[in-house]
Every structure is written in structure tokens, then in C-alpha cells.
Amino acid sequence: MNSLDKYDCAILAALQADATLSISGLSEKVGLSSTPCWKRVKRLEEEGYIESRVSIVNRNKVGLPVTVFVSVRAKEHDEKWLERFASAVVSLPEVLEFHRMSGDIDYLLKVVTTDIEGYDRFYKKLIKTAQLAGVSSAFSMEQIKCTTALPLELISHGLAA
């Protein structure tokens, strides 16, 4: 499954909570000395467990308070269509997440924008990307939970030291 031990999980959990931790602060938090902690962080980065370190920007403060979940049904289901559609959607800056789904809808997009008019501008760009069978939009009324931290405790049980 994975090659993470309890120290690796502790390092990942600490960095998910605060990516600005120094190696000194991180090593103290996880119970390792600085050099082994630094080596583990480097290994976790090299092996792709740590993809990047980012700052999370408050979307309301910067003027992007509207979140829309957009369901898309494809008109075609061939590789060429998907390539064209995916390329176009990935280039739309409003799209934070883009998922291919099972079930009644083919794709789900998580979109942020300024307001209803901003969403309408996005929608008009989206429908130009490829032939679509249907687009349905659900506006988020209230964000109740939002986290970027993965629940590492689900995989950390029984890990050896």
C-alpha cells in the first residue's frame, strides 16, 4: 500500500497543518532530531507524498465569494472529444477541481467566481469548449467544511516505527 511509518505520517500531518514550520520546529513536533527529520521531508518530497507547499488564500477577501458545482453531461464519449474538452476546461482559471464521474453525470467542476454575472461569463466560455449534452449548476449557499488536510489517521493505524 505505502511505505509510510508513524514518523512520516506525523511529518505529513504537521506540514498539512502548517507548511511554514522550520525543520527545527517540525523535528520537535514529531519527536525526531533535525537531520533525520530533514532527510524524511526530502524523501517524502522526492517520492511525491508532498506535492507542493502553498498558502491558502481567503477567497472572500480577494473577491471570489461564489462557489458553483457544475455537472456536465458529454454529447460524445470518444478520446478526441475528451482531449479537447479536458484541455479547454483545464485552461479555465475559474475551475478549481475537475473530475470525471460515474453515474448520471460525466464531469463535475468546482468553480469559483465573483458573482452571478461572473458565473454567466464562465458558463458562456464553458459551452464553447465542446459539444455538451447538458450543463447543470448548483450554487453553494454556505461552506460548512473546507479542508486540504488528508485524514492520515485512517492509514496510520498499525504502522511500525
C-alpha atoms as a PDB file:
ATOM      1  CA  MET A   1       0.000   0.000   0.000  1.00  0.00           C
ATOM      2  CA  ASN A   2       2.523   2.640   1.132  1.00  0.00           C
ATOM      3  CA  SER A   3       5.888   2.862   2.838  1.00  0.00           C
ATOM      4  CA  LEU A   4       4.966   5.399   5.499  1.00  0.00           C
ATOM      5  CA  ASP A   5       5.831   4.849   9.132  1.00  0.00           C
ATOM      6  CA  LYS A   6       4.491   6.754  12.134  1.00  0.00           C
ATOM      7  CA  TYR A   7       7.156   9.475  11.799  1.00  0.00           C
ATOM      8  CA  ASP A   8       6.359  10.019   8.133  1.00  0.00           C
ATOM      9  CA  CYS A   9       2.658  10.330   8.971  1.00  0.00           C
ATOM     10  CA  ALA A  10       3.440  12.734  11.811  1.00  0.00           C
ATOM     11  CA  ILE A  11       5.582  14.868   9.493  1.00  0.00           C
ATOM     12  CA  LEU A  12       2.855  14.929   6.826  1.00  0.00           C
ATOM     13  CA  ALA A  13       0.172  15.785   9.386  1.00  0.00           C
ATOM     14  CA  ALA A  14       2.270  18.616  10.848  1.00  0.00           C
ATOM     15  CA  LEU A  15       3.072  20.065   7.406  1.00  0.00           C
ATOM     16  CA  GLN A  16      -0.590  19.846   6.353  1.00  0.00           C
ATOM     17  CA  ALA A  17      -1.441  21.999   9.376  1.00  0.00           C
ATOM     18  CA  ASP A  18       1.461  24.446   8.886  1.00  0.00           C
ATOM     19  CA  ALA A  19       3.739  24.219   5.853  1.00  0.00           C
ATOM     20  CA  THR A  20       5.841  27.102   7.179  1.00  0.00           C
ATOM     21  CA  LEU A  21       7.282  25.054  10.047  1.00  0.00           C
ATOM     22  CA  SER A  22      11.064  25.138  10.173  1.00  0.00           C
ATOM     23  CA  ILE A  23      12.918  21.825  10.263  1.00  0.00           C
ATOM     24  CA  SER A  24      13.742  22.616  13.888  1.00  0.00           C
ATOM     25  CA  GLY A  25      10.076  23.201  14.756  1.00  0.00           C
ATOM     26  CA  LEU A  26       8.943  20.195  12.746  1.00  0.00           C
ATOM     27  CA  SER A  27      11.501  17.862  14.293  1.00  0.00           C
ATOM     28  CA  GLU A  28      10.452  18.964  17.777  1.00  0.00           C
ATOM     29  CA  LYS A  29       6.800  18.414  16.930  1.00  0.00           C
ATOM     30  CA  VAL A  30       7.316  14.855  15.614  1.00  0.00           C
ATOM     31  CA  GLY A  31       9.980  13.696  18.058  1.00  0.00           C
ATOM     32  CA  LEU A  32      12.997  13.404  15.761  1.00  0.00           C
ATOM     33  CA  SER A  33      16.292  15.256  15.649  1.00  0.00           C
ATOM     34  CA  SER A  34      16.728  17.790  12.832  1.00  0.00           C
ATOM     35  CA  THR A  35      18.870  15.795  10.385  1.00  0.00           C
ATOM     36  CA  PRO A  36      16.681  12.641  10.266  1.00  0.00           C
ATOM     37  CA  CYS A  37      13.588  14.858  10.065  1.00  0.00           C
ATOM     38  CA  TRP A  38      15.065  16.855   7.160  1.00  0.00           C
ATOM     39  CA  LYS A  39      16.026  13.630   5.357  1.00  0.00           C
ATOM     40  CA  ARG A  40      12.491  12.290   5.749  1.00  0.00           C
ATOM     41  CA  VAL A  41      10.964  15.526   4.422  1.00  0.00           C
ATOM     42  CA  LYS A  42      13.279  15.391   1.389  1.00  0.00           C
ATOM     43  CA  ARG A  43      12.374  11.720   0.782  1.00  0.00           C
ATOM     44  CA  LEU A  44       8.652  12.480   1.107  1.00  0.00           C
ATOM     45  CA  GLU A  45       9.063  15.258  -1.468  1.00  0.00           C
ATOM     46  CA  GLU A  46      11.135  13.111  -3.843  1.00  0.00           C
ATOM     47  CA  GLU A  47       8.672  10.209  -3.630  1.00  0.00           C
ATOM     48  CA  GLY A  48       5.719  12.505  -4.345  1.00  0.00           C
ATOM     49  CA  TYR A  49       3.983  12.316  -0.958  1.00  0.00           C
ATOM     50  CA  ILE A  50       4.479  16.072  -0.664  1.00  0.00           C
ATOM     51  CA  GLU A  51       3.386  17.586  -3.963  1.00  0.00           C
ATOM     52  CA  SER A  52       3.816  21.254  -3.076  1.00  0.00           C
ATOM     53  CA  ARG A  53       3.689  23.768  -0.255  1.00  0.00           C
ATOM     54  CA  VAL A  54       1.143  26.528  -0.683  1.00  0.00           C
ATOM     55  CA  SER A  55      -0.591  29.370   1.085  1.00  0.00           C
ATOM     56  CA  ILE A  56      -4.362  29.153   1.226  1.00  0.00           C
ATOM     57  CA  VAL A  57      -5.867  32.456   0.133  1.00  0.00           C
ATOM     58  CA  ASN A  58      -9.193  33.598   1.586  1.00  0.00           C
ATOM     59  CA  ARG A  59     -11.445  33.645  -1.493  1.00  0.00           C
ATOM     60  CA  ASN A  60     -13.970  36.013   0.113  1.00  0.00           C
ATOM     61  CA  LYS A  61     -11.322  38.609   0.954  1.00  0.00           C
ATOM     62  CA  VAL A  62      -9.949  38.598  -2.599  1.00  0.00           C
ATOM     63  CA  GLY A  63     -13.419  38.935  -4.135  1.00  0.00           C
ATOM     64  CA  LEU A  64     -14.245  35.361  -5.234  1.00  0.00           C
ATOM     65  CA  PRO A  65     -17.098  34.511  -2.839  1.00  0.00           C
ATOM     66  CA  VAL A  66     -19.251  32.425  -5.198  1.00  0.00           C
ATOM     67  CA  THR A  67     -18.684  28.660  -5.438  1.00  0.00           C
ATOM     68  CA  VAL A  68     -20.558  26.685  -8.084  1.00  0.00           C
ATOM     69  CA  PHE A  69     -20.608  22.929  -8.656  1.00  0.00           C
ATOM     70  CA  VAL A  70     -21.128  22.371 -12.364  1.00  0.00           C
ATOM     71  CA  SER A  71     -22.351  18.998 -13.648  1.00  0.00           C
ATOM     72  CA  VAL A  72     -21.616  18.284 -17.291  1.00  0.00           C
ATOM     73  CA  ARG A  73     -23.058  15.563 -19.493  1.00  0.00           C
ATOM     74  CA  ALA A  74     -20.993  14.820 -22.569  1.00  0.00           C
ATOM     75  CA  LYS A  75     -22.536  14.720 -26.007  1.00  0.00           C
ATOM     76  CA  GLU A  76     -19.802  12.375 -27.217  1.00  0.00           C
ATOM     77  CA  HIS A  77     -17.713   9.758 -25.432  1.00  0.00           C
ATOM     78  CA  ASP A  78     -14.625   9.379 -27.570  1.00  0.00           C
ATOM     79  CA  GLU A  79     -10.993  10.125 -26.812  1.00  0.00           C
ATOM     80  CA  LYS A  80     -10.712  13.070 -29.205  1.00  0.00           C
ATOM     81  CA  TRP A  81     -13.719  14.811 -27.641  1.00  0.00           C
ATOM     82  CA  LEU A  82     -12.369  14.233 -24.129  1.00  0.00           C
ATOM     83  CA  GLU A  83      -8.937  15.530 -25.080  1.00  0.00           C
ATOM     84  CA  ARG A  84     -10.420  18.751 -26.491  1.00  0.00           C
ATOM     85  CA  PHE A  85     -12.853  19.226 -23.591  1.00  0.00           C
ATOM     86  CA  ALA A  86     -10.279  18.475 -20.865  1.00  0.00           C
ATOM     87  CA  SER A  87      -7.697  20.767 -22.427  1.00  0.00           C
ATOM     88  CA  ALA A  88     -10.204  23.619 -22.589  1.00  0.00           C
ATOM     89  CA  VAL A  89     -11.552  23.122 -19.052  1.00  0.00           C
ATOM     90  CA  VAL A  90      -8.078  22.875 -17.518  1.00  0.00           C
ATOM     91  CA  SER A  91      -7.263  26.266 -19.054  1.00  0.00           C
ATOM     92  CA  LEU A  92     -10.267  27.993 -17.426  1.00  0.00           C
ATOM     93  CA  PRO A  93      -8.923  29.766 -14.310  1.00  0.00           C
ATOM     94  CA  GLU A  94     -12.272  29.641 -12.503  1.00  0.00           C
ATOM     95  CA  VAL A  95     -12.098  25.833 -12.319  1.00  0.00           C
ATOM     96  CA  LEU A  96     -10.505  24.659  -9.060  1.00  0.00           C
ATOM     97  CA  GLU A  97     -11.372  20.979  -9.476  1.00  0.00           C
ATOM     98  CA  PHE A  98     -12.309  18.861 -12.489  1.00  0.00           C
ATOM     99  CA  HIS A  99     -13.493  15.265 -12.029  1.00  0.00           C
ATOM    100  CA  ARG A 100     -14.639  12.527 -14.421  1.00  0.00           C
ATOM    101  CA  MET A 101     -17.575  10.853 -12.698  1.00  0.00           C
ATOM    102  CA  SER A 102     -19.546   7.641 -12.679  1.00  0.00           C
ATOM    103  CA  GLY A 103     -23.338   7.739 -12.708  1.00  0.00           C
ATOM    104  CA  ASP A 104     -25.726  10.181 -14.376  1.00  0.00           C
ATOM    105  CA  ILE A 105     -23.229  12.979 -14.935  1.00  0.00           C
ATOM    106  CA  ASP A 106     -19.959  12.668 -16.806  1.00  0.00           C
ATOM    107  CA  TYR A 107     -17.919  15.516 -15.283  1.00  0.00           C
ATOM    108  CA  LEU A 108     -18.091  17.645 -12.155  1.00  0.00           C
ATOM    109  CA  LEU A 109     -16.378  21.007 -11.891  1.00  0.00           C
ATOM    110  CA  LYS A 110     -15.824  23.108  -8.792  1.00  0.00           C
ATOM    111  CA  VAL A 111     -15.787  26.723  -9.903  1.00  0.00           C
ATOM    112  CA  VAL A 112     -15.180  29.988  -8.034  1.00  0.00           C
ATOM    113  CA  THR A 113     -16.159  33.382  -9.322  1.00  0.00           C
ATOM    114  CA  THR A 114     -17.032  36.925  -8.343  1.00  0.00           C
ATOM    115  CA  ASP A 115     -20.832  36.860  -8.632  1.00  0.00           C
ATOM    116  CA  ILE A 116     -23.728  35.566 -10.753  1.00  0.00           C
ATOM    117  CA  GLU A 117     -22.608  37.660 -13.715  1.00  0.00           C
ATOM    118  CA  GLY A 118     -19.105  36.223 -13.353  1.00  0.00           C
ATOM    119  CA  TYR A 119     -20.557  32.730 -13.433  1.00  0.00           C
ATOM    120  CA  ASP A 120     -22.553  33.587 -16.551  1.00  0.00           C
ATOM    121  CA  ARG A 121     -19.329  34.690 -18.271  1.00  0.00           C
ATOM    122  CA  PHE A 122     -17.712  31.403 -17.229  1.00  0.00           C
ATOM    123  CA  TYR A 123     -20.723  29.401 -18.465  1.00  0.00           C
ATOM    124  CA  LYS A 124     -20.533  31.045 -21.868  1.00  0.00           C
ATOM    125  CA  LYS A 125     -16.844  30.101 -22.132  1.00  0.00           C
ATOM    126  CA  LEU A 126     -17.577  26.532 -20.980  1.00  0.00           C
ATOM    127  CA  ILE A 127     -20.267  25.834 -23.569  1.00  0.00           C
ATOM    128  CA  LYS A 128     -17.884  26.938 -26.339  1.00  0.00           C
ATOM    129  CA  THR A 129     -15.305  24.287 -25.378  1.00  0.00           C
ATOM    130  CA  ALA A 130     -17.055  21.260 -26.912  1.00  0.00           C
ATOM    131  CA  GLN A 131     -20.471  19.861 -27.792  1.00  0.00           C
ATOM    132  CA  LEU A 132     -22.222  19.210 -24.466  1.00  0.00           C
ATOM    133  CA  ALA A 133     -25.428  17.244 -23.855  1.00  0.00           C
ATOM    134  CA  GLY A 134     -26.200  19.196 -20.691  1.00  0.00           C
ATOM    135  CA  VAL A 135     -24.843  21.538 -18.036  1.00  0.00           C
ATOM    136  CA  SER A 136     -26.361  21.924 -14.585  1.00  0.00           C
ATOM    137  CA  SER A 137     -25.150  24.363 -11.944  1.00  0.00           C
ATOM    138  CA  ALA A 138     -25.588  24.215  -8.174  1.00  0.00           C
ATOM    139  CA  PHE A 139     -24.584  27.310  -6.223  1.00  0.00           C
ATOM    140  CA  SER A 140     -23.132  26.754  -2.771  1.00  0.00           C
ATOM    141  CA  MET A 141     -25.223  28.658  -0.229  1.00  0.00           C
ATOM    142  CA  GLU A 142     -22.824  28.098   2.678  1.00  0.00           C
ATOM    143  CA  GLN A 143     -19.484  26.370   3.046  1.00  0.00           C
ATOM    144  CA  ILE A 144     -19.765  24.230   6.166  1.00  0.00           C
ATOM    145  CA  LYS A 145     -16.443  22.408   5.979  1.00  0.00           C
ATOM    146  CA  CYS A 146     -13.388  23.007   3.858  1.00  0.00           C
ATOM    147  CA  THR A 147     -10.017  21.431   4.469  1.00  0.00           C
ATOM    148  CA  THR A 148      -6.997  20.491   2.443  1.00  0.00           C
ATOM    149  CA  ALA A 149      -5.693  18.136   5.142  1.00  0.00           C
ATOM    150  CA  LEU A 150      -5.983  14.446   4.306  1.00  0.00           C
ATOM    151  CA  PRO A 151      -7.211  12.186   7.161  1.00  0.00           C
ATOM    152  CA  LEU A 152      -3.868  10.425   7.657  1.00  0.00           C
ATOM    153  CA  GLU A 153      -5.129   8.721  10.805  1.00  0.00           C
ATOM    154  CA  LEU A 154      -7.126   6.429   8.508  1.00  0.00           C
ATOM    155  CA  ILE A 155      -3.932   4.932   7.114  1.00  0.00           C
ATOM    156  CA  SER A 156      -1.606   5.265  10.093  1.00  0.00           C
ATOM    157  CA  HIS A 157      -3.045   2.517  12.308  1.00  0.00           C
ATOM    158  CA  GLY A 158      -0.631  -0.330  12.874  1.00  0.00           C
ATOM    159  CA  LEU A 159       2.375   1.391  11.293  1.00  0.00           C
ATOM    160  CA  ALA A 160       5.741   0.248  12.564  1.00  0.00           C
ATOM    161  CA  ALA A 161       8.217   2.741  13.978  1.00  0.00           C
END
